[in-house]
Structures are given as C-alpha cells and as structure tokens.
C-alpha cells in the first residue's frame, strides 16, 4: 500500500500558475511541477472539499486549470472531528484565528490518518517553529499528525 498525501491548495496553485517573476516562487513552482510529474504516482493522493472550494476561487481560467489538475483525486470529508481538532489548534495556540482554514487542512489530514500533508504554506503549516505544538495537540486529541512538508522535502528516497 502506498503512503498517503493530502494535497493542500498551494500545491495545485503553484502547479498551474504562470511562472512567477519572484525567483523563490518560480523555483517552488518548478519543484512542484517536477514532483507532480515524477513523484505523485508513488503516493495515494487526497484532497478535501476545502481544497476544491479554494481551487475554484479567483480567475476562472486559472481555476479551471486547478480543477482539471485535481480531477480524479479522492476526497476526504471535513468531519465534525476535523472541525473540533481545527478549533483546538486555533484555540490552544499554534494556528492564529485568521488562519483557521489552515488548521482545518491539518485537522482533516490528521483525522483521516494521512501520512503527509504537502504544502507550500510555510507560515502556518510546514513551519518548523509551529510543528511540534501542532503535532502535540493532534496527539493529545487522539490523532497522529501527518508529516507537513513541501515537495522539495518529499523528494527522492
């Protein structure tokens, strides 16, 4: 059985966006496209309705590209348990109120037992300073947290 990966919205956004003028973002886009092309087949990918909702936002043509890229990826439900865990992540600390949607991505991945949460959101999700607190809160609620990482970190063995 393959390891499971929750694809957070920034991944599909970087995958389908026009190349950025910002050198760092452009590099992230290139890494994302490379990962998608060469690595995604080694994992069971999942998204949530929240990812689809975010992917539909913005410019219609770009949103269509994002939705096409996500086609066929199974959905993980945003359950009542996930909502409770997300609220705990916001109320008890590491995730600020303004980023509650990020807490819901983490919680959905944790509640469903995914192995990895793939993201370019290094402010509130793949953040080394917050990771241990997020993981401890997930475990205290009875869930094993996913490994929160970027495509660069989920590279070759």
Protein backbone atom coordinates (compact mmCIF):
# COMPACT_ATOMS: atom_id res chain seq x y z
CA UNK A 1 0.00 0.00 0.00
CA UNK A 2 1.34 3.43 -0.96
CA UNK A 3 1.82 6.22 1.54
CA UNK A 4 -0.96 8.82 1.55
CA UNK A 5 -0.56 12.52 0.80
CA UNK A 6 -3.09 15.28 1.46
CA UNK A 7 -2.59 17.88 -1.28
CA UNK A 8 -3.14 21.36 0.19
CA UNK A 9 -4.31 24.15 -2.13
CA UNK A 10 -0.93 25.89 -2.52
CA UNK A 11 0.38 22.81 -4.33
CA UNK A 12 -2.20 22.89 -7.10
CA UNK A 13 -1.90 26.68 -7.26
CA UNK A 14 1.86 26.52 -7.82
CA UNK A 15 1.38 23.63 -10.24
CA UNK A 16 -0.97 25.52 -12.55
CA UNK A 17 0.10 29.16 -12.20
CA UNK A 18 2.01 31.14 -14.80
CA UNK A 19 5.70 31.30 -13.91
CA UNK A 20 6.21 33.96 -11.29
CA UNK A 21 8.67 36.83 -11.60
CA UNK A 22 9.67 36.20 -7.99
CA UNK A 23 12.70 33.91 -8.14
CA UNK A 24 11.78 31.94 -4.99
CA UNK A 25 8.16 31.37 -6.01
CA UNK A 26 9.32 30.45 -9.52
CA UNK A 27 11.66 27.84 -8.03
CA UNK A 28 8.81 26.48 -5.89
CA UNK A 29 6.63 26.27 -8.99
CA UNK A 30 9.34 24.34 -10.82
CA UNK A 31 9.82 21.96 -7.88
CA UNK A 32 6.06 21.43 -7.68
CA UNK A 33 5.76 20.62 -11.37
CA UNK A 34 8.71 18.24 -11.15
CA UNK A 35 7.23 16.50 -8.08
CA UNK A 36 3.83 16.23 -9.77
CA UNK A 37 5.37 14.77 -12.91
CA UNK A 38 7.82 12.33 -11.31
CA UNK A 39 6.73 11.58 -7.73
CA UNK A 40 2.96 11.78 -7.31
CA UNK A 41 2.41 8.33 -8.78
CA UNK A 42 4.25 6.83 -5.82
CA UNK A 43 1.62 8.06 -3.37
CA UNK A 44 -2.11 7.86 -2.80
CA UNK A 45 -3.22 11.48 -3.17
CA UNK A 46 -6.19 13.05 -1.40
CA UNK A 47 -7.84 16.45 -1.18
CA UNK A 48 -10.79 17.78 0.78
CA UNK A 49 -13.83 19.79 -0.28
CA UNK A 50 -12.00 22.74 1.26
CA UNK A 51 -9.19 22.37 -1.31
CA UNK A 52 -11.75 22.24 -4.12
CA UNK A 53 -13.50 25.33 -2.75
CA UNK A 54 -10.23 27.27 -2.61
CA UNK A 55 -9.14 25.99 -6.03
CA UNK A 56 -12.36 27.35 -7.59
CA UNK A 57 -11.62 30.88 -6.38
CA UNK A 58 -10.10 33.67 -8.45
CA UNK A 59 -9.67 33.92 -12.19
CA UNK A 60 -11.99 31.45 -13.95
CA UNK A 61 -9.43 30.22 -16.47
CA UNK A 62 -6.80 29.56 -13.82
CA UNK A 63 -9.43 27.99 -11.53
CA UNK A 64 -10.36 25.62 -14.36
CA UNK A 65 -6.71 24.57 -14.68
CA UNK A 66 -6.55 23.90 -10.96
CA UNK A 67 -9.76 21.88 -11.04
CA UNK A 68 -8.50 19.86 -14.02
CA UNK A 69 -5.31 19.03 -12.13
CA UNK A 70 -7.35 17.84 -9.14
CA UNK A 71 -9.74 15.71 -11.20
CA UNK A 72 -9.87 12.13 -10.01
CA UNK A 73 -8.15 12.74 -6.67
CA UNK A 74 -10.32 11.22 -3.92
CA UNK A 75 -11.96 13.48 -1.36
CA UNK A 76 -11.52 13.30 2.40
CA UNK A 77 -14.57 14.62 4.23
CA UNK A 78 -14.25 17.55 6.59
CA UNK A 79 -15.77 15.73 9.54
CA UNK A 80 -17.05 17.02 12.88
CA UNK A 81 -13.88 15.57 14.43
CA UNK A 82 -11.76 17.58 12.00
CA UNK A 83 -13.65 20.76 12.85
CA UNK A 84 -13.12 20.12 16.58
CA UNK A 85 -9.41 19.47 16.07
CA UNK A 86 -9.05 22.60 13.93
CA UNK A 87 -10.72 24.67 16.66
CA UNK A 88 -8.30 23.17 19.20
CA UNK A 89 -5.33 24.11 17.01
CA UNK A 90 -6.59 27.70 16.86
CA UNK A 91 -7.79 28.00 20.46
CA UNK A 92 -4.75 26.38 22.08
CA UNK A 93 -2.14 28.01 20.11
CA UNK A 94 -0.06 27.46 17.13
CA UNK A 95 -2.53 28.48 14.40
CA UNK A 96 -3.85 32.07 14.57
CA UNK A 97 -7.58 32.73 14.21
CA UNK A 98 -7.08 34.42 10.83
CA UNK A 99 -5.62 31.16 9.50
CA UNK A 100 -8.32 28.79 10.74
CA UNK A 101 -8.64 27.32 7.24
CA UNK A 102 -5.02 26.16 7.56
CA UNK A 103 -5.93 24.47 10.84
CA UNK A 104 -8.78 22.72 9.03
CA UNK A 105 -6.40 21.37 6.36
CA UNK A 106 -4.13 19.98 9.09
CA UNK A 107 -7.04 18.56 11.06
CA UNK A 108 -8.65 16.90 8.04
CA UNK A 109 -5.37 15.23 7.12
CA UNK A 110 -4.80 14.11 10.73
CA UNK A 111 -8.32 12.78 11.31
CA UNK A 112 -8.11 10.69 8.15
CA UNK A 113 -4.66 9.38 9.06
CA UNK A 114 -2.77 10.62 6.02
CA UNK A 115 0.97 10.15 6.14
CA UNK A 116 1.90 13.54 4.64
CA UNK A 117 0.38 16.96 4.14
CA UNK A 118 2.03 18.53 1.09
CA UNK A 119 2.05 22.33 1.06
CA UNK A 120 3.95 25.49 0.25
CA UNK A 121 2.29 27.24 3.19
CA UNK A 122 5.34 27.60 5.41
CA UNK A 123 3.77 30.31 7.53
CA UNK A 124 1.17 28.19 9.34
CA UNK A 125 1.52 24.60 8.15
CA UNK A 126 5.04 23.47 7.18
CA UNK A 127 6.59 25.70 9.80
CA UNK A 128 9.38 24.22 11.91
CA UNK A 129 8.65 26.57 14.81
CA UNK A 130 4.99 25.51 14.99
CA UNK A 131 5.32 21.86 14.02
CA UNK A 132 5.95 20.38 17.47
CA UNK A 133 2.98 22.25 19.00
CA UNK A 134 0.70 21.21 16.14
CA UNK A 135 1.82 17.59 16.47
CA UNK A 136 1.40 17.59 20.26
CA UNK A 137 -2.14 18.98 20.02
CA UNK A 138 -3.10 16.43 17.36
CA UNK A 139 -1.77 13.61 19.52
CA UNK A 140 -3.49 14.96 22.65
CA UNK A 141 -6.76 14.80 20.71
CA UNK A 142 -6.05 11.18 19.72
CA UNK A 143 -4.79 11.67 16.16
CA UNK A 144 -1.39 11.03 14.64
CA UNK A 145 -0.45 14.19 12.71
CA UNK A 146 0.70 13.98 9.12
CA UNK A 147 4.25 14.97 8.26
CA UNK A 148 3.79 18.52 6.99
CA UNK A 149 6.26 19.22 4.20
CA UNK A 150 6.98 20.79 0.83
CA UNK A 151 7.53 18.93 -2.45
CA UNK A 152 11.25 19.55 -2.02
CA UNK A 153 11.18 17.64 1.27
CA UNK A 154 9.09 14.80 -0.17
CA UNK A 155 11.65 14.11 -2.85
CA UNK A 156 13.66 11.06 -3.72
CA UNK A 157 14.46 8.42 -1.13
